[in-house]
C-alpha atoms as a PDB file:
ATOM      1  CA  MET A   1     -23.997  71.584  65.927  1.00  0.00           C
ATOM      2  CA  ARG A   2     -20.916  72.311  67.971  1.00  0.00           C
ATOM      3  CA  SER A   3     -22.786  74.345  70.612  1.00  0.00           C
ATOM      4  CA  VAL A   4     -25.418  71.599  70.986  1.00  0.00           C
ATOM      5  CA  SER A   5     -22.683  69.002  71.581  1.00  0.00           C
ATOM      6  CA  ILE A   6     -21.042  71.145  74.294  1.00  0.00           C
ATOM      7  CA  HIS A   7     -24.401  71.695  76.010  1.00  0.00           C
ATOM      8  CA  PHE A   8     -25.104  67.913  76.056  1.00  0.00           C
ATOM      9  CA  SER A   9     -21.649  67.124  77.453  1.00  0.00           C
ATOM     10  CA  GLY A  10     -22.240  69.574  80.288  1.00  0.00           C
ATOM     11  CA  LYS A  11     -25.440  67.800  81.290  1.00  0.00           C
ATOM     12  CA  THR A  12     -23.649  64.482  81.158  1.00  0.00           C
ATOM     13  CA  ILE A  13     -20.878  65.762  83.426  1.00  0.00           C
ATOM     14  CA  ILE A  14     -23.411  67.096  85.953  1.00  0.00           C
ATOM     15  CA  LEU A  15     -25.275  63.777  85.934  1.00  0.00           C
ATOM     16  CA  LEU A  16     -22.045  61.845  86.512  1.00  0.00           C
ATOM     17  CA  ILE A  17     -21.131  64.148  89.396  1.00  0.00           C
ATOM     18  CA  LEU A  18     -24.537  63.562  91.012  1.00  0.00           C
ATOM     19  CA  ILE A  19     -24.240  59.789  90.653  1.00  0.00           C
ATOM     20  CA  VAL A  20     -20.714  59.706  92.097  1.00  0.00           C
ATOM     21  CA  THR A  21     -21.735  62.022  94.941  1.00  0.00           C
ATOM     22  CA  SER A  22     -24.714  59.782  95.813  1.00  0.00           C
ATOM     23  CA  ILE A  23     -22.517  56.669  95.893  1.00  0.00           C
ATOM     24  CA  VAL A  24     -19.925  58.369  98.089  1.00  0.00           C
ATOM     25  CA  LEU A  25     -22.653  59.683 100.411  1.00  0.00           C
ATOM     26  CA  ILE A  26     -24.193  56.215 100.875  1.00  0.00           C
ATOM     27  CA  GLN A  27     -20.765  54.710 101.569  1.00  0.00           C
ATOM     28  CA  PHE A  28     -20.023  57.491 104.037  1.00  0.00           C
ATOM     29  CA  LEU A  29     -23.336  57.005 105.875  1.00  0.00           C
ATOM     30  CA  ASN A  30     -22.779  53.276 106.117  1.00  0.00           C
ATOM     31  CA  GLN A  31     -19.223  53.602 107.413  1.00  0.00           C
ATOM     32  CA  ASN A  32     -20.353  56.306 109.804  1.00  0.00           C
ATOM     33  CA  GLN A  33     -23.072  54.047 111.247  1.00  0.00           C
ATOM     34  CA  ILE A  34     -20.658  51.139 111.651  1.00  0.00           C
ATOM     35  CA  GLY A  35     -18.112  53.403 113.290  1.00  0.00           C
ATOM     36  CA  LEU A  36     -20.696  54.786 115.685  1.00  0.00           C
ATOM     37  CA  ALA A  37     -21.897  51.282 116.518  1.00  0.00           C
ATOM     38  CA  GLN A  38     -18.335  50.178 117.308  1.00  0.00           C
ATOM     39  CA  LEU A  39     -17.815  53.286 119.431  1.00  0.00           C
ATOM     40  CA  HIS A  40     -21.057  52.602 121.293  1.00  0.00           C
ATOM     41  CA  ASN A  41     -19.972  49.019 122.000  1.00  0.00           C
ATOM     42  CA  ASN A  42     -16.537  50.105 123.201  1.00  0.00           C
ATOM     43  CA  GLN A  43     -18.043  52.702 125.510  1.00  0.00           C
ATOM     44  CA  THR A  44     -20.486  50.137 126.910  1.00  0.00           C
ATOM     45  CA  SER A  45     -17.711  47.620 127.502  1.00  0.00           C
ATOM     46  CA  SER A  46     -15.635  50.221 129.302  1.00  0.00           C
ATOM     47  CA  SER A  47     -18.486  51.335 131.528  1.00  0.00           C
ATOM     48  CA  LEU A  48     -19.306  47.778 132.585  1.00  0.00           C
ATOM     49  CA  ASN A  49     -15.700  46.936 133.490  1.00  0.00           C
ATOM     50  CA  ASN A  50     -16.505  43.332 132.545  1.00  0.00           C
ATOM     51  CA  GLN A  51     -19.008  42.963 135.383  1.00  0.00           C
ATOM     52  CA  GLU A  52     -21.651  40.457 134.307  1.00  0.00           C
ATOM     53  CA  GLN A  53     -24.482  41.689 136.515  1.00  0.00           C
ATOM     54  CA  PRO A  54     -24.069  45.251 137.797  1.00  0.00           C
ATOM     55  CA  ALA A  55     -26.430  46.378 140.539  1.00  0.00           C
ATOM     56  CA  GLY A  56     -29.937  46.475 139.084  1.00  0.00           C
ATOM     57  CA  ILE A  57     -32.177  49.507 138.833  1.00  0.00           C
ATOM     58  CA  SER A  58     -35.627  48.575 140.112  1.00  0.00           C
ATOM     59  CA  PHE A  59     -38.923  49.843 138.728  1.00  0.00           C
ATOM     60  CA  LEU A  60     -42.613  48.986 138.911  1.00  0.00           C
ATOM     61  CA  LEU A  61     -44.956  47.552 136.301  1.00  0.00           C
ATOM     62  CA  ASP A  62     -48.510  47.460 137.677  1.00  0.00           C
ATOM     63  CA  ASN A  63     -47.158  47.430 141.243  1.00  0.00           C
ATOM     64  CA  THR A  64     -44.837  44.514 140.453  1.00  0.00           C
ATOM     65  CA  THR A  65     -41.113  45.043 140.950  1.00  0.00           C
ATOM     66  CA  PHE A  66     -38.687  44.365 138.124  1.00  0.00           C
ATOM     67  CA  SER A  67     -35.050  45.353 137.690  1.00  0.00           C
ATOM     68  CA  HIS A  68     -32.595  46.072 134.880  1.00  0.00           C
ATOM     69  CA  HIS A  69     -29.337  44.120 134.581  1.00  0.00           C
ATOM     70  CA  MET A  70     -26.533  43.438 132.120  1.00  0.00           C
ATOM     71  CA  ALA A  71     -24.802  40.113 131.473  1.00  0.00           C
ATOM     72  CA  VAL A  72     -21.716  39.360 129.366  1.00  0.00           C
ATOM     73  CA  VAL A  73     -22.260  36.311 127.166  1.00  0.00           C
ATOM     74  CA  ASN A  74     -21.165  34.887 123.783  1.00  0.00           C
ATOM     75  CA  ASN A  75     -17.830  36.440 122.704  1.00  0.00           C
ATOM     76  CA  GLY A  76     -18.202  39.386 125.067  1.00  0.00           C
ATOM     77  CA  VAL A  77     -21.654  40.455 123.872  1.00  0.00           C
ATOM     78  CA  GLN A  78     -23.489  42.386 126.582  1.00  0.00           C
ATOM     79  CA  ILE A  79     -27.137  41.467 126.993  1.00  0.00           C
ATOM     80  CA  HIS A  80     -29.513  43.791 128.796  1.00  0.00           C
ATOM     81  CA  TYR A  81     -32.364  42.015 130.533  1.00  0.00           C
ATOM     82  CA  VAL A  82     -35.241  42.778 132.870  1.00  0.00           C
ATOM     83  CA  ILE A  83     -36.099  40.295 135.612  1.00  0.00           C
ATOM     84  CA  GLY A  84     -38.767  39.978 138.282  1.00  0.00           C
ATOM     85  CA  GLY A  85     -41.128  37.601 140.046  1.00  0.00           C
ATOM     86  CA  HIS A  86     -40.425  34.211 141.597  1.00  0.00           C
ATOM     87  CA  GLY A  87     -40.739  30.574 140.627  1.00  0.00           C
ATOM     88  CA  ALA A  88     -39.886  28.673 137.461  1.00  0.00           C
ATOM     89  CA  PRO A  89     -38.209  30.796 134.774  1.00  0.00           C
ATOM     90  CA  ILE A  90     -40.071  32.127 131.744  1.00  0.00           C
ATOM     91  CA  VAL A  91     -37.861  33.743 129.099  1.00  0.00           C
ATOM     92  CA  LEU A  92     -39.559  36.239 126.760  1.00  0.00           C
ATOM     93  CA  LEU A  93     -37.855  37.023 123.442  1.00  0.00           C
ATOM     94  CA  GLN A  94     -39.027  40.148 121.641  1.00  0.00           C
ATOM     95  CA  GLY A  95     -39.597  40.845 117.982  1.00  0.00           C
ATOM     96  CA  TRP A  96     -38.624  43.589 115.537  1.00  0.00           C
ATOM     97  CA  PRO A  97     -38.889  46.560 115.727  1.00  0.00           C
ATOM     98  CA  GLU A  98     -39.417  46.324 119.477  1.00  0.00           C
ATOM     99  CA  THR A  99     -37.483  45.697 122.698  1.00  0.00           C
ATOM    100  CA  TRP A 100     -38.144  43.825 125.963  1.00  0.00           C
ATOM    101  CA  TYR A 101     -40.751  46.547 126.576  1.00  0.00           C
ATOM    102  CA  GLU A 102     -43.233  44.809 124.252  1.00  0.00           C
ATOM    103  CA  TRP A 103     -43.971  42.371 127.121  1.00  0.00           C
ATOM    104  CA  ARG A 104     -44.907  45.133 129.605  1.00  0.00           C
ATOM    105  CA  HIS A 105     -48.604  44.187 129.742  1.00  0.00           C
ATOM    106  CA  ILE A 106     -48.117  40.490 130.518  1.00  0.00           C
ATOM    107  CA  MET A 107     -45.004  40.509 132.724  1.00  0.00           C
ATOM    108  CA  PRO A 108     -46.744  41.487 136.007  1.00  0.00           C
ATOM    109  CA  ALA A 109     -49.312  38.681 135.754  1.00  0.00           C
ATOM    110  CA  LEU A 110     -46.637  36.100 134.926  1.00  0.00           C
ATOM    111  CA  ALA A 111     -44.419  37.326 137.770  1.00  0.00           C
ATOM    112  CA  LYS A 112     -46.981  36.150 140.336  1.00  0.00           C
ATOM    113  CA  ASN A 113     -46.003  32.531 139.654  1.00  0.00           C
ATOM    114  CA  TYR A 114     -42.812  32.649 137.624  1.00  0.00           C
ATOM    115  CA  THR A 115     -39.423  34.294 137.408  1.00  0.00           C
ATOM    116  CA  VAL A 116     -39.851  36.467 134.331  1.00  0.00           C
ATOM    117  CA  ILE A 117     -36.730  37.202 132.250  1.00  0.00           C
ATOM    118  CA  ALA A 118     -37.127  39.602 129.316  1.00  0.00           C
ATOM    119  CA  PRO A 119     -33.821  40.242 127.519  1.00  0.00           C
ATOM    120  CA  ASP A 120     -33.026  42.592 124.671  1.00  0.00           C
ATOM    121  CA  LEU A 121     -31.631  40.440 121.865  1.00  0.00           C
ATOM    122  CA  ARG A 122     -28.127  41.310 120.707  1.00  0.00           C
ATOM    123  CA  GLY A 123     -28.084  44.573 118.773  1.00  0.00           C
ATOM    124  CA  LEU A 124     -31.505  45.627 120.054  1.00  0.00           C
ATOM    125  CA  GLY A 125     -32.673  47.770 122.952  1.00  0.00           C
ATOM    126  CA  ASP A 126     -29.892  48.354 125.469  1.00  0.00           C
ATOM    127  CA  SER A 127     -27.846  45.289 124.503  1.00  0.00           C
ATOM    128  CA  SER A 128     -24.549  45.796 122.722  1.00  0.00           C
ATOM    129  CA  LYS A 129     -24.462  45.929 118.931  1.00  0.00           C
ATOM    130  CA  PRO A 130     -21.788  43.671 117.421  1.00  0.00           C
ATOM    131  CA  LEU A 131     -21.330  43.761 113.671  1.00  0.00           C
ATOM    132  CA  THR A 132     -22.026  40.037 113.208  1.00  0.00           C
ATOM    133  CA  GLY A 133     -23.820  37.079 114.737  1.00  0.00           C
ATOM    134  CA  TYR A 134     -27.500  37.748 114.071  1.00  0.00           C
ATOM    135  CA  ASP A 135     -28.519  34.266 112.932  1.00  0.00           C
ATOM    136  CA  GLY A 136     -30.858  32.294 115.172  1.00  0.00           C
ATOM    137  CA  LYS A 137     -28.262  29.765 116.301  1.00  0.00           C
ATOM    138  CA  THR A 138     -25.812  32.420 117.497  1.00  0.00           C
ATOM    139  CA  VAL A 139     -28.405  34.629 119.200  1.00  0.00           C
ATOM    140  CA  ALA A 140     -29.976  31.584 120.871  1.00  0.00           C
ATOM    141  CA  GLU A 141     -26.577  30.807 122.348  1.00  0.00           C
ATOM    142  CA  ASP A 142     -26.503  34.332 123.811  1.00  0.00           C
ATOM    143  CA  ILE A 143     -29.771  33.607 125.596  1.00  0.00           C
ATOM    144  CA  HIS A 144     -28.694  30.110 126.638  1.00  0.00           C
ATOM    145  CA  GLN A 145     -25.601  31.540 128.297  1.00  0.00           C
ATOM    146  CA  LEU A 146     -27.689  34.235 129.989  1.00  0.00           C
ATOM    147  CA  VAL A 147     -30.027  31.580 131.404  1.00  0.00           C
ATOM    148  CA  ALA A 148     -27.040  29.603 132.693  1.00  0.00           C
ATOM    149  CA  LYS A 149     -25.519  32.680 134.335  1.00  0.00           C
ATOM    150  CA  LEU A 150     -28.809  33.243 136.143  1.00  0.00           C
ATOM    151  CA  GLY A 151     -28.566  29.714 137.527  1.00  0.00           C
ATOM    152  CA  PHE A 152     -31.388  28.105 135.567  1.00  0.00           C
ATOM    153  CA  LYS A 153     -31.321  24.929 133.526  1.00  0.00           C
ATOM    154  CA  VAL A 154     -34.853  24.139 132.280  1.00  0.00           C
ATOM    155  CA  ILE A 155     -37.082  27.028 131.195  1.00  0.00           C
ATOM    156  CA  PHE A 156     -40.396  27.958 129.658  1.00  0.00           C
ATOM    157  CA  LEU A 157     -39.577  29.835 126.456  1.00  0.00           C
ATOM    158  CA  VAL A 158     -41.676  32.407 124.595  1.00  0.00           C
ATOM    159  CA  GLY A 159     -40.791  34.187 121.345  1.00  0.00           C
ATOM    160  CA  HIS A 160     -42.527  36.760 119.150  1.00  0.00           C
ATOM    161  CA  ASP A 161     -41.650  37.680 115.538  1.00  0.00           C
ATOM    162  CA  ILE A 162     -37.851  37.308 115.136  1.00  0.00           C
ATOM    163  CA  GLY A 163     -37.931  36.117 118.742  1.00  0.00           C
ATOM    164  CA  THR A 164     -39.794  33.078 117.373  1.00  0.00           C
ATOM    165  CA  GLN A 165     -36.788  32.209 115.216  1.00  0.00           C
ATOM    166  CA  ILE A 166     -34.466  32.573 118.214  1.00  0.00           C
ATOM    167  CA  ALA A 167     -36.802  30.534 120.427  1.00  0.00           C
ATOM    168  CA  TYR A 168     -36.978  27.732 117.851  1.00  0.00           C
ATOM    169  CA  SER A 169     -33.177  27.695 117.511  1.00  0.00           C
ATOM    170  CA  TYR A 170     -32.826  27.523 121.305  1.00  0.00           C
ATOM    171  CA  ALA A 171     -35.341  24.681 121.625  1.00  0.00           C
ATOM    172  CA  ALA A 172     -33.805  22.731 118.730  1.00  0.00           C
ATOM    173  CA  ALA A 173     -30.276  23.091 120.107  1.00  0.00           C
ATOM    174  CA  HIS A 174     -31.249  22.361 123.731  1.00  0.00           C
ATOM    175  CA  PRO A 175     -34.440  20.257 123.548  1.00  0.00           C
ATOM    176  CA  THR A 176     -34.161  18.855 127.068  1.00  0.00           C
ATOM    177  CA  GLU A 177     -33.816  22.346 128.535  1.00  0.00           C
ATOM    178  CA  VAL A 178     -37.083  23.814 127.211  1.00  0.00           C
ATOM    179  CA  LYS A 179     -40.051  22.439 129.127  1.00  0.00           C
ATOM    180  CA  LYS A 180     -42.634  24.109 126.892  1.00  0.00           C
ATOM    181  CA  LEU A 181     -42.307  26.459 123.922  1.00  0.00           C
ATOM    182  CA  VAL A 182     -44.596  29.302 122.882  1.00  0.00           C
ATOM    183  CA  VAL A 183     -44.140  31.074 119.536  1.00  0.00           C
ATOM    184  CA  MET A 184     -46.057  34.070 118.253  1.00  0.00           C
ATOM    185  CA  GLU A 185     -46.540  35.773 114.947  1.00  0.00           C
ATOM    186  CA  ILE A 186     -43.866  35.563 112.325  1.00  0.00           C
ATOM    187  CA  THR A 187     -44.843  35.853 108.655  1.00  0.00           C
ATOM    188  CA  SER A 188     -43.056  32.592 107.970  1.00  0.00           C
ATOM    189  CA  ILE A 189     -40.332  30.563 109.632  1.00  0.00           C
ATOM    190  CA  PRO A 190     -37.188  30.811 107.451  1.00  0.00           C
ATOM    191  CA  GLY A 191     -37.002  27.743 105.263  1.00  0.00           C
ATOM    192  CA  PHE A 192     -40.579  26.689 106.002  1.00  0.00           C
ATOM    193  CA  ALA A 193     -42.838  29.244 104.332  1.00  0.00           C
ATOM    194  CA  ARG A 194     -46.375  28.199 103.486  1.00  0.00           C
ATOM    195  CA  PRO A 195     -46.793  27.763  99.705  1.00  0.00           C
ATOM    196  CA  GLY A 196     -48.883  30.633  98.396  1.00  0.00           C
ATOM    197  CA  GLY A 197     -48.538  32.545 101.647  1.00  0.00           C
ATOM    198  CA  PRO A 198     -48.393  36.358 101.781  1.00  0.00           C
ATOM    199  CA  VAL A 199     -45.197  38.065 100.678  1.00  0.00           C
ATOM    200  CA  ALA A 200     -43.872  40.717 103.057  1.00  0.00           C
ATOM    201  CA  TRP A 201     -42.091  43.407 101.028  1.00  0.00           C
ATOM    202  CA  TRP A 202     -40.044  44.532 104.040  1.00  0.00           C
ATOM    203  CA  ARG A 203     -38.366  41.154 104.402  1.00  0.00           C
ATOM    204  CA  SER A 204     -36.656  41.807 101.067  1.00  0.00           C
ATOM    205  CA  PHE A 205     -35.999  45.506 101.695  1.00  0.00           C
ATOM    206  CA  ASN A 206     -34.620  44.996 105.207  1.00  0.00           C
ATOM    207  CA  ALA A 207     -32.363  42.192 103.977  1.00  0.00           C
ATOM    208  CA  VAL A 208     -30.404  44.379 101.533  1.00  0.00           C
ATOM    209  CA  PRO A 209     -26.970  45.099 103.053  1.00  0.00           C
ATOM    210  CA  ASP A 210     -26.141  48.728 103.878  1.00  0.00           C
ATOM    211  CA  ILE A 211     -28.795  50.531 101.828  1.00  0.00           C
ATOM    212  CA  PRO A 212     -31.850  50.378 104.152  1.00  0.00           C
ATOM    213  CA  GLU A 213     -30.162  52.089 107.100  1.00  0.00           C
ATOM    214  CA  ALA A 214     -28.760  54.783 104.793  1.00  0.00           C
ATOM    215  CA  LEU A 215     -32.205  55.493 103.341  1.00  0.00           C
ATOM    216  CA  VAL A 216     -34.041  55.357 106.688  1.00  0.00           C
ATOM    217  CA  GLN A 217     -31.513  57.409 108.673  1.00  0.00           C
ATOM    218  CA  GLY A 218     -33.283  60.403 110.163  1.00  0.00           C
ATOM    219  CA  LYS A 219     -36.661  58.907 109.245  1.00  0.00           C
ATOM    220  CA  GLU A 220     -36.740  56.036 111.748  1.00  0.00           C
ATOM    221  CA  LEU A 221     -39.945  57.300 113.372  1.00  0.00           C
ATOM    222  CA  MET A 222     -41.771  57.457 110.035  1.00  0.00           C
ATOM    223  CA  TYR A 223     -40.521  54.079 108.850  1.00  0.00           C
ATOM    224  CA  LEU A 224     -41.137  52.112 112.039  1.00  0.00           C
ATOM    225  CA  THR A 225     -44.508  53.704 112.755  1.00  0.00           C
ATOM    226  CA  TRP A 226     -45.749  52.243 109.466  1.00  0.00           C
ATOM    227  CA  PHE A 227     -45.300  48.752 110.952  1.00  0.00           C
ATOM    228  CA  TYR A 228     -46.894  49.522 114.317  1.00  0.00           C
ATOM    229  CA  ARG A 229     -49.933  50.873 112.491  1.00  0.00           C
ATOM    230  CA  ASN A 230     -50.297  48.673 109.394  1.00  0.00           C
ATOM    231  CA  GLU A 231     -49.635  45.306 111.033  1.00  0.00           C
ATOM    232  CA  ALA A 232     -52.165  45.920 113.809  1.00  0.00           C
ATOM    233  CA  TYR A 233     -55.836  45.026 114.092  1.00  0.00           C
ATOM    234  CA  ASN A 234     -56.004  47.717 116.780  1.00  0.00           C
ATOM    235  CA  PRO A 235     -53.441  50.431 115.949  1.00  0.00           C
ATOM    236  CA  GLU A 236     -54.138  52.199 119.243  1.00  0.00           C
ATOM    237  CA  ALA A 237     -52.667  49.278 121.207  1.00  0.00           C
ATOM    238  CA  ILE A 238     -49.206  50.771 120.688  1.00  0.00           C
ATOM    239  CA  THR A 239     -49.442  54.385 121.806  1.00  0.00           C
ATOM    240  CA  PRO A 240     -47.311  57.301 120.574  1.00  0.00           C
ATOM    241  CA  ALA A 241     -45.392  57.085 123.870  1.00  0.00           C
ATOM    242  CA  ASP A 242     -44.737  53.369 123.254  1.00  0.00           C
ATOM    243  CA  ILE A 243     -43.569  54.138 119.722  1.00  0.00           C
ATOM    244  CA  ASN A 244     -41.186  56.773 121.026  1.00  0.00           C
ATOM    245  CA  GLU A 245     -39.791  54.237 123.497  1.00  0.00           C
ATOM    246  CA  PHE A 246     -39.057  51.743 120.724  1.00  0.00           C
ATOM    247  CA  VAL A 247     -37.800  54.284 118.182  1.00  0.00           C
ATOM    248  CA  SER A 248     -35.444  55.889 120.697  1.00  0.00           C
ATOM    249  CA  HIS A 249     -33.495  52.627 120.757  1.00  0.00           C
ATOM    250  CA  TYR A 250     -33.613  51.873 117.042  1.00  0.00           C
ATOM    251  CA  SER A 251     -32.550  55.402 116.114  1.00  0.00           C
ATOM    252  CA  ALA A 252     -29.509  55.147 118.414  1.00  0.00           C
ATOM    253  CA  PRO A 253     -26.136  54.509 116.724  1.00  0.00           C
ATOM    254  CA  GLY A 254     -26.151  51.082 115.097  1.00  0.00           C
ATOM    255  CA  GLY A 255     -29.759  50.335 116.074  1.00  0.00           C
ATOM    256  CA  MET A 256     -31.311  50.113 112.611  1.00  0.00           C
ATOM    257  CA  ARG A 257     -28.281  48.308 111.199  1.00  0.00           C
ATOM    258  CA  ALA A 258     -28.588  45.624 113.903  1.00  0.00           C
ATOM    259  CA  GLY A 259     -32.324  45.256 113.333  1.00  0.00           C
ATOM    260  CA  PHE A 260     -31.833  44.813 109.597  1.00  0.00           C
ATOM    261  CA  ALA A 261     -29.067  42.285 110.285  1.00  0.00           C
ATOM    262  CA  TYR A 262     -31.682  39.825 111.576  1.00  0.00           C
ATOM    263  CA  TYR A 263     -33.370  39.924 108.163  1.00  0.00           C
ATOM    264  CA  GLN A 264     -30.043  39.560 106.392  1.00  0.00           C
ATOM    265  CA  ALA A 265     -29.470  36.393 108.447  1.00  0.00           C
ATOM    266  CA  PHE A 266     -32.695  34.706 107.262  1.00  0.00           C
ATOM    267  CA  PRO A 267     -30.975  32.691 104.482  1.00  0.00           C
ATOM    268  CA  GLN A 268     -28.544  31.313 107.076  1.00  0.00           C
ATOM    269  CA  ASP A 269     -31.481  30.676 109.428  1.00  0.00           C
ATOM    270  CA  ALA A 270     -33.207  28.706 106.676  1.00  0.00           C
ATOM    271  CA  ILE A 271     -30.189  26.410 106.335  1.00  0.00           C
ATOM    272  CA  GLU A 272     -29.894  25.994 110.103  1.00  0.00           C
ATOM    273  CA  ASN A 273     -33.625  25.299 110.392  1.00  0.00           C
ATOM    274  CA  GLN A 274     -33.457  22.647 107.689  1.00  0.00           C
ATOM    275  CA  ASN A 275     -30.713  20.921 109.676  1.00  0.00           C
ATOM    276  CA  TYR A 276     -32.621  21.229 112.958  1.00  0.00           C
ATOM    277  CA  SER A 277     -35.817  19.923 111.311  1.00  0.00           C
ATOM    278  CA  LYS A 278     -34.308  16.474 110.889  1.00  0.00           C
ATOM    279  CA  THR A 279     -35.322  15.956 114.521  1.00  0.00           C
ATOM    280  CA  LYS A 280     -38.759  17.311 115.372  1.00  0.00           C
ATOM    281  CA  LEU A 281     -39.165  19.205 118.629  1.00  0.00           C
ATOM    282  CA  SER A 282     -40.561  16.885 121.279  1.00  0.00           C
ATOM    283  CA  MET A 283     -41.715  19.431 123.889  1.00  0.00           C
ATOM    284  CA  PRO A 284     -45.282  20.797 123.695  1.00  0.00           C
ATOM    285  CA  VAL A 285     -45.549  23.885 121.459  1.00  0.00           C
ATOM    286  CA  LEU A 286     -48.184  26.619 121.516  1.00  0.00           C
ATOM    287  CA  ALA A 287     -48.321  28.738 118.343  1.00  0.00           C
ATOM    288  CA  LEU A 288     -50.289  31.991 118.590  1.00  0.00           C
ATOM    289  CA  ALA A 289     -51.057  33.656 115.258  1.00  0.00           C
ATOM    290  CA  ALA A 290     -52.803  36.850 114.202  1.00  0.00           C
ATOM    291  CA  SER A 291     -56.371  36.684 112.911  1.00  0.00           C
ATOM    292  CA  TYR A 292     -56.246  39.959 110.995  1.00  0.00           C
ATOM    293  CA  TYR A 293     -53.484  41.622 108.976  1.00  0.00           C
ATOM    294  CA  PRO A 294     -54.427  44.914 107.288  1.00  0.00           C
ATOM    295  CA  VAL A 295     -51.290  44.968 105.163  1.00  0.00           C
ATOM    296  CA  PHE A 296     -52.163  41.499 103.815  1.00  0.00           C
ATOM    297  CA  GLY A 297     -55.769  42.353 103.102  1.00  0.00           C
ATOM    298  CA  GLY A 298     -57.506  41.402 106.331  1.00  0.00           C
ATOM    299  CA  ASN A 299     -58.441  38.004 107.749  1.00  0.00           C
ATOM    300  CA  ILE A 300     -55.831  35.241 107.873  1.00  0.00           C
ATOM    301  CA  SER A 301     -57.125  31.680 107.408  1.00  0.00           C
ATOM    302  CA  MET A 302     -53.906  29.635 107.612  1.00  0.00           C
ATOM    303  CA  PRO A 303     -51.043  31.481 109.326  1.00  0.00           C
ATOM    304  CA  GLY A 304     -47.554  30.663 108.129  1.00  0.00           C
ATOM    305  CA  LEU A 305     -46.407  30.291 111.743  1.00  0.00           C
ATOM    306  CA  ILE A 306     -48.755  27.393 112.484  1.00  0.00           C
ATOM    307  CA  TYR A 307     -47.992  25.780 109.120  1.00  0.00           C
ATOM    308  CA  GLY A 308     -44.241  25.885 109.792  1.00  0.00           C
ATOM    309  CA  MET A 309     -44.371  24.736 113.421  1.00  0.00           C
ATOM    310  CA  LYS A 310     -46.455  21.677 112.543  1.00  0.00           C
ATOM    311  CA  ILE A 311     -43.577  20.593 110.324  1.00  0.00           C
ATOM    312  CA  LEU A 312     -40.921  21.343 112.941  1.00  0.00           C
ATOM    313  CA  ALA A 313     -42.546  19.936 116.105  1.00  0.00           C
ATOM    314  CA  GLN A 314     -44.444  16.810 117.142  1.00  0.00           C
ATOM    315  CA  ASP A 315     -46.978  18.356 119.517  1.00  0.00           C
ATOM    316  CA  VAL A 316     -48.292  21.714 118.280  1.00  0.00           C
ATOM    317  CA  ARG A 317     -51.375  23.544 119.451  1.00  0.00           C
ATOM    318  CA  GLY A 318     -52.193  26.294 116.967  1.00  0.00           C
ATOM    319  CA  VAL A 319     -54.381  29.184 118.093  1.00  0.00           C
ATOM    320  CA  ILE A 320     -55.551  32.094 115.947  1.00  0.00           C
ATOM    321  CA  VAL A 321     -55.879  35.049 118.317  1.00  0.00           C
ATOM    322  CA  PRO A 322     -59.216  36.853 117.827  1.00  0.00           C
ATOM    323  CA  ASN A 323     -59.216  40.568 117.095  1.00  0.00           C
ATOM    324  CA  SER A 324     -55.447  40.780 116.878  1.00  0.00           C
ATOM    325  CA  GLY A 325     -52.883  41.703 114.306  1.00  0.00           C
ATOM    326  CA  HIS A 326     -49.163  41.096 114.498  1.00  0.00           C
ATOM    327  CA  TRP A 327     -48.626  42.718 117.913  1.00  0.00           C
ATOM    328  CA  ILE A 328     -50.365  40.022 119.956  1.00  0.00           C
ATOM    329  CA  PRO A 329     -48.785  40.731 123.398  1.00  0.00           C
ATOM    330  CA  GLU A 330     -49.918  44.350 123.136  1.00  0.00           C
ATOM    331  CA  GLU A 331     -53.192  43.971 121.236  1.00  0.00           C
ATOM    332  CA  GLN A 332     -54.529  41.061 123.305  1.00  0.00           C
ATOM    333  CA  PRO A 333     -52.481  40.861 126.532  1.00  0.00           C
ATOM    334  CA  GLN A 334     -55.256  39.290 128.637  1.00  0.00           C
ATOM    335  CA  PHE A 335     -55.787  36.595 126.023  1.00  0.00           C
ATOM    336  CA  VAL A 336     -52.042  35.874 126.024  1.00  0.00           C
ATOM    337  CA  ILE A 337     -51.921  35.729 129.837  1.00  0.00           C
ATOM    338  CA  LYS A 338     -54.747  33.165 129.900  1.00  0.00           C
ATOM    339  CA  GLN A 339     -53.191  31.102 127.111  1.00  0.00           C
ATOM    340  CA  LEU A 340     -49.820  30.992 128.860  1.00  0.00           C
ATOM    341  CA  ALA A 341     -51.375  30.186 132.249  1.00  0.00           C
ATOM    342  CA  ASN A 342     -53.316  27.285 130.754  1.00  0.00           C
ATOM    343  CA  PHE A 343     -50.439  26.029 128.633  1.00  0.00           C
ATOM    344  CA  PHE A 344     -47.806  26.204 131.362  1.00  0.00           C
ATOM    345  CA  GLY A 345     -50.290  24.677 133.788  1.00  0.00           C
ATOM    346  CA  GLY A 346     -49.601  27.103 136.617  1.00  0.00           C
ATOM    347  CA  SER A 347     -46.593  24.977 137.530  1.00  0.00           C
ATOM    348  CA  ASN A 348     -43.526  26.492 139.119  1.00  0.00           C
ATOM    349  CA  SER A 349     -41.797  23.163 139.642  1.00  0.00           C
ATOM    350  CA  THR A 350     -39.131  23.626 136.956  1.00  0.00           C
ATOM    351  CA  LYS A 351     -35.795  22.727 138.539  1.00  0.00           C
ATOM    352  CA  THR A 352     -33.058  25.278 138.884  1.00  0.00           C
ATOM    353  CA  SER A 353     -29.344  24.848 139.438  1.00  0.00           C
ATOM    354  CA  LYS A 354     -28.060  27.751 141.474  1.00  0.00           C
END
């Protein structure tokens, strides 16, 4: 009996050591990511020397010239943005897990009649990665300050996925400064989910503090590729090269942590949205929703986006995009271009204040 007891105690000790080691490792990974993110931000701040718009690097998209810039906004946050074209300003806000680059197929067509501004939201792409401030109200203020620094007052505003939350927050906070609003594809607007709507497992997983980035570290390509493939009607719309472009930014120090922070802010967004909803948006709203979602079993009859926007705005035109999954700007770019051209009316008369 004595030898059996000693043998059992040894197993118990080994098990306790493994548990303690796992906890310490997770804490170490989390602190390491935060430290790297802070280092990245400090290095970026130093390199910019507080210049709001350093000389831009120009490049071509379908023979249309765009350029990269940085602007310092809300509490010193540095926002990277791409700009090109001429005319009234259209601001494009990207979703997760993407960057400004998700708009690459529609930007050249829009630039023929509009000034196209495609920023990286705070924490994403080449923008700086603060540890806090990922709720819609705060991020919308980043974009509002960027627009002001560029000399514009009234804009056309377009958001996709989490960019839809930011776009709604912007329009609700500054209703006279958004001429028309376009929102695309979000499973549900925080605080206004459709009863009986599909449940996205990743919204819960991504919202857990600290653990997701520790588990995904080193496997960002595998994890993010699942979304590009399983939320698409046409998985080939986002090529391996496109995936590498997106993943290169999210796998950078602090990238996944910042992306997950948007999901962790959803409860705060829900409260903010409930407050905003007391006054319905008065500008015209176009809501573009996916028609097919493999991960949710196929065809979508009543998208949560359209359901939510009809509660939040007075004048909503809901459109289910044919043959498209979640990645509408990439799966159906020509459809999006036509919808935006018709909705915005081809007007470039939006006033600016330079």
